[in-house]
Amino acid sequence: MWNLALDENHGPHAGGCGDCRGVVTIDSRTGAVTPNQEYYAFGHASRFVRPGAVRVGSSQIEGVSSVAFVNPDGQRVLVLYNERAEPAPLTVGEEGWRGETVLPARSAATYVWEAPAA
């Protein structure tokens, strides 16, 4: 994911990862641009994670990846990706607030909530 755009052969590159994807793939013959899953993941993060936010956690459990942030105003942001072929029932939140949800198969979601009252 360190590449913004690569061609259909995962290039150009100067060594390192030979099969990494860019955020988009550009067809070298036609110029067509195809967004990859990283495009949508960055979209989720850039829409809700504000400049100055602090990453407070990340994990991958049973095919569901997550990363959590606290924005400068205290707002919490959780970005999830379910790579499984089936829906994933989840509990999201923190001490003082929790919610139940089901993340559809092969999907991403962003959850945003205010800091629980002290």
C-alpha atoms as a PDB file:
ATOM      1  CA  MET A   1       0.000   0.000   0.000  1.00  0.00           C
ATOM      2  CA  TRP A   2       2.973   2.318  -0.275  1.00  0.00           C
ATOM      3  CA  ASN A   3       2.075   2.920  -3.910  1.00  0.00           C
ATOM      4  CA  LEU A   4      -0.622   5.270  -5.070  1.00  0.00           C
ATOM      5  CA  ALA A   5      -0.895   3.801  -8.576  1.00  0.00           C
ATOM      6  CA  LEU A   6       0.640   0.764 -10.249  1.00  0.00           C
ATOM      7  CA  ASP A   7       0.106  -0.936 -13.582  1.00  0.00           C
ATOM      8  CA  GLU A   8      -1.433  -4.365 -14.128  1.00  0.00           C
ATOM      9  CA  ASN A   9       2.010  -5.956 -13.557  1.00  0.00           C
ATOM     10  CA  HIS A  10       2.426  -4.292 -10.131  1.00  0.00           C
ATOM     11  CA  GLY A  11       5.028  -1.884 -11.469  1.00  0.00           C
ATOM     12  CA  PRO A  12       7.004   0.109 -11.749  1.00  0.00           C
ATOM     13  CA  HIS A  13       8.998  -0.652  -8.630  1.00  0.00           C
ATOM     14  CA  ALA A  14      12.608  -0.461  -7.549  1.00  0.00           C
ATOM     15  CA  GLY A  15      12.822  -3.725  -5.621  1.00  0.00           C
ATOM     16  CA  GLY A  16      10.970  -4.798  -2.529  1.00  0.00           C
ATOM     17  CA  CYS A  17       7.443  -6.057  -2.944  1.00  0.00           C
ATOM     18  CA  GLY A  18       6.985  -7.436  -6.470  1.00  0.00           C
ATOM     19  CA  ASP A  19       3.255  -8.092  -6.173  1.00  0.00           C
ATOM     20  CA  CYS A  20       1.990  -5.210  -4.016  1.00  0.00           C
ATOM     21  CA  ARG A  21      -1.066  -3.346  -5.211  1.00  0.00           C
ATOM     22  CA  GLY A  22      -1.418   0.362  -5.557  1.00  0.00           C
ATOM     23  CA  VAL A  23      -4.431   2.245  -4.293  1.00  0.00           C
ATOM     24  CA  VAL A  24      -5.481   2.153  -7.953  1.00  0.00           C
ATOM     25  CA  THR A  25      -4.328   0.051 -10.900  1.00  0.00           C
ATOM     26  CA  ILE A  26      -3.763   1.813 -14.219  1.00  0.00           C
ATOM     27  CA  ASP A  27      -4.042  -0.333 -17.349  1.00  0.00           C
ATOM     28  CA  SER A  28      -0.897   0.489 -19.321  1.00  0.00           C
ATOM     29  CA  ARG A  29      -2.641  -0.202 -22.654  1.00  0.00           C
ATOM     30  CA  THR A  30      -5.867   1.757 -22.182  1.00  0.00           C
ATOM     31  CA  GLY A  31      -5.183   4.126 -19.291  1.00  0.00           C
ATOM     32  CA  ALA A  32      -8.275   2.789 -17.474  1.00  0.00           C
ATOM     33  CA  VAL A  33      -8.105   3.307 -13.714  1.00  0.00           C
ATOM     34  CA  THR A  34      -9.439   0.579 -11.400  1.00  0.00           C
ATOM     35  CA  PRO A  35      -9.739   1.252  -7.657  1.00  0.00           C
ATOM     36  CA  ASN A  36      -8.469  -1.547  -5.407  1.00  0.00           C
ATOM     37  CA  GLN A  37      -9.663  -2.434  -1.905  1.00  0.00           C
ATOM     38  CA  GLU A  38      -7.010  -0.078  -0.513  1.00  0.00           C
ATOM     39  CA  TYR A  39      -8.791   2.783  -2.294  1.00  0.00           C
ATOM     40  CA  TYR A  40     -11.920   2.135  -0.267  1.00  0.00           C
ATOM     41  CA  ALA A  41      -9.981   1.542   2.963  1.00  0.00           C
ATOM     42  CA  PHE A  42      -8.206   4.888   2.591  1.00  0.00           C
ATOM     43  CA  GLY A  43     -11.559   6.470   1.814  1.00  0.00           C
ATOM     44  CA  HIS A  44     -12.974   5.196   5.094  1.00  0.00           C
ATOM     45  CA  ALA A  45      -9.997   6.457   7.064  1.00  0.00           C
ATOM     46  CA  SER A  46      -9.683   9.831   5.336  1.00  0.00           C
ATOM     47  CA  ARG A  47     -13.386  10.628   5.760  1.00  0.00           C
ATOM     48  CA  PHE A  48     -13.469  10.160   9.549  1.00  0.00           C
ATOM     49  CA  VAL A  49      -9.909  10.166  10.947  1.00  0.00           C
ATOM     50  CA  ARG A  50      -8.934  13.817  11.437  1.00  0.00           C
ATOM     51  CA  PRO A  51      -5.444  15.366  11.245  1.00  0.00           C
ATOM     52  CA  GLY A  52      -3.776  14.966  14.630  1.00  0.00           C
ATOM     53  CA  ALA A  53      -5.691  11.767  15.475  1.00  0.00           C
ATOM     54  CA  VAL A  54      -3.881   9.095  17.484  1.00  0.00           C
ATOM     55  CA  ARG A  55      -4.058   5.408  16.600  1.00  0.00           C
ATOM     56  CA  VAL A  56      -5.057   3.616  19.795  1.00  0.00           C
ATOM     57  CA  GLY A  57      -5.269   0.060  18.591  1.00  0.00           C
ATOM     58  CA  SER A  58      -5.388  -2.402  15.739  1.00  0.00           C
ATOM     59  CA  SER A  59      -6.001  -6.095  15.425  1.00  0.00           C
ATOM     60  CA  GLN A  60      -6.935  -8.965  13.159  1.00  0.00           C
ATOM     61  CA  ILE A  61      -9.197 -11.598  14.660  1.00  0.00           C
ATOM     62  CA  GLU A  62     -10.682 -14.442  12.626  1.00  0.00           C
ATOM     63  CA  GLY A  63     -10.491 -12.599   9.300  1.00  0.00           C
ATOM     64  CA  VAL A  64     -11.668  -9.207  10.558  1.00  0.00           C
ATOM     65  CA  SER A  65      -9.059  -6.435  10.604  1.00  0.00           C
ATOM     66  CA  SER A  66      -9.555  -3.279  12.613  1.00  0.00           C
ATOM     67  CA  VAL A  67      -7.804  -0.064  13.471  1.00  0.00           C
ATOM     68  CA  ALA A  68      -9.029   2.470  16.046  1.00  0.00           C
ATOM     69  CA  PHE A  69      -8.279   6.171  16.421  1.00  0.00           C
ATOM     70  CA  VAL A  70      -9.075   9.019  18.802  1.00  0.00           C
ATOM     71  CA  ASN A  71      -9.562  12.325  16.995  1.00  0.00           C
ATOM     72  CA  PRO A  72      -8.264  15.548  18.571  1.00  0.00           C
ATOM     73  CA  ASP A  73     -11.820  16.389  19.742  1.00  0.00           C
ATOM     74  CA  GLY A  74     -12.062  13.016  21.557  1.00  0.00           C
ATOM     75  CA  GLN A  75     -14.313  11.382  18.982  1.00  0.00           C
ATOM     76  CA  ARG A  76     -13.610   7.667  18.512  1.00  0.00           C
ATOM     77  CA  VAL A  77     -13.233   6.074  15.057  1.00  0.00           C
ATOM     78  CA  LEU A  78     -13.084   2.344  14.323  1.00  0.00           C
ATOM     79  CA  VAL A  79     -12.391   1.140  10.765  1.00  0.00           C
ATOM     80  CA  LEU A  80     -13.172  -2.547  10.127  1.00  0.00           C
ATOM     81  CA  TYR A  81     -12.637  -4.878   7.170  1.00  0.00           C
ATOM     82  CA  ASN A  82     -14.191  -8.343   6.989  1.00  0.00           C
ATOM     83  CA  GLU A  83     -12.259 -10.492   4.509  1.00  0.00           C
ATOM     84  CA  ARG A  84     -14.303 -13.588   5.376  1.00  0.00           C
ATOM     85  CA  ALA A  85     -16.866 -15.155   3.050  1.00  0.00           C
ATOM     86  CA  GLU A  86     -19.525 -14.902   5.765  1.00  0.00           C
ATOM     87  CA  PRO A  87     -20.901 -12.072   7.908  1.00  0.00           C
ATOM     88  CA  ALA A  88     -19.064 -11.344  11.164  1.00  0.00           C
ATOM     89  CA  PRO A  89     -21.080 -10.553  14.309  1.00  0.00           C
ATOM     90  CA  LEU A  90     -19.113  -8.004  16.360  1.00  0.00           C
ATOM     91  CA  THR A  91     -19.203  -5.928  19.496  1.00  0.00           C
ATOM     92  CA  VAL A  92     -17.774  -2.446  18.946  1.00  0.00           C
ATOM     93  CA  GLY A  93     -17.095   0.297  21.464  1.00  0.00           C
ATOM     94  CA  GLU A  94     -15.153   0.756  24.659  1.00  0.00           C
ATOM     95  CA  GLU A  95     -15.683   0.761  28.386  1.00  0.00           C
ATOM     96  CA  GLY A  96     -18.762   2.877  29.025  1.00  0.00           C
ATOM     97  CA  TRP A  97     -20.339   2.225  25.608  1.00  0.00           C
ATOM     98  CA  ARG A  98     -20.726  -0.886  23.477  1.00  0.00           C
ATOM     99  CA  GLY A  99     -22.862  -1.802  20.508  1.00  0.00           C
ATOM    100  CA  GLU A 100     -23.598  -4.994  18.610  1.00  0.00           C
ATOM    101  CA  THR A 101     -23.347  -5.134  14.822  1.00  0.00           C
ATOM    102  CA  VAL A 102     -22.907  -7.572  11.946  1.00  0.00           C
ATOM    103  CA  LEU A 103     -20.271  -6.744   9.341  1.00  0.00           C
ATOM    104  CA  PRO A 104     -21.286  -8.243   5.961  1.00  0.00           C
ATOM    105  CA  ALA A 105     -18.947 -10.636   4.171  1.00  0.00           C
ATOM    106  CA  ARG A 106     -16.051  -8.985   2.337  1.00  0.00           C
ATOM    107  CA  SER A 107     -16.976  -5.494   3.397  1.00  0.00           C
ATOM    108  CA  ALA A 108     -15.591  -2.481   5.209  1.00  0.00           C
ATOM    109  CA  ALA A 109     -17.327  -0.236   7.705  1.00  0.00           C
ATOM    110  CA  THR A 110     -16.446   2.742   9.848  1.00  0.00           C
ATOM    111  CA  TYR A 111     -17.996   3.331  13.274  1.00  0.00           C
ATOM    112  CA  VAL A 112     -17.787   6.745  14.941  1.00  0.00           C
ATOM    113  CA  TRP A 113     -18.915   7.655  18.459  1.00  0.00           C
ATOM    114  CA  GLU A 114     -18.369  10.311  21.071  1.00  0.00           C
ATOM    115  CA  ALA A 115     -16.231   9.610  24.138  1.00  0.00           C
ATOM    116  CA  PRO A 116     -18.276   8.003  26.933  1.00  0.00           C
ATOM    117  CA  ALA A 117     -19.162  10.354  29.780  1.00  0.00           C
ATOM    118  CA  ALA A 118     -16.723  10.077  32.655  1.00  0.00           C
END
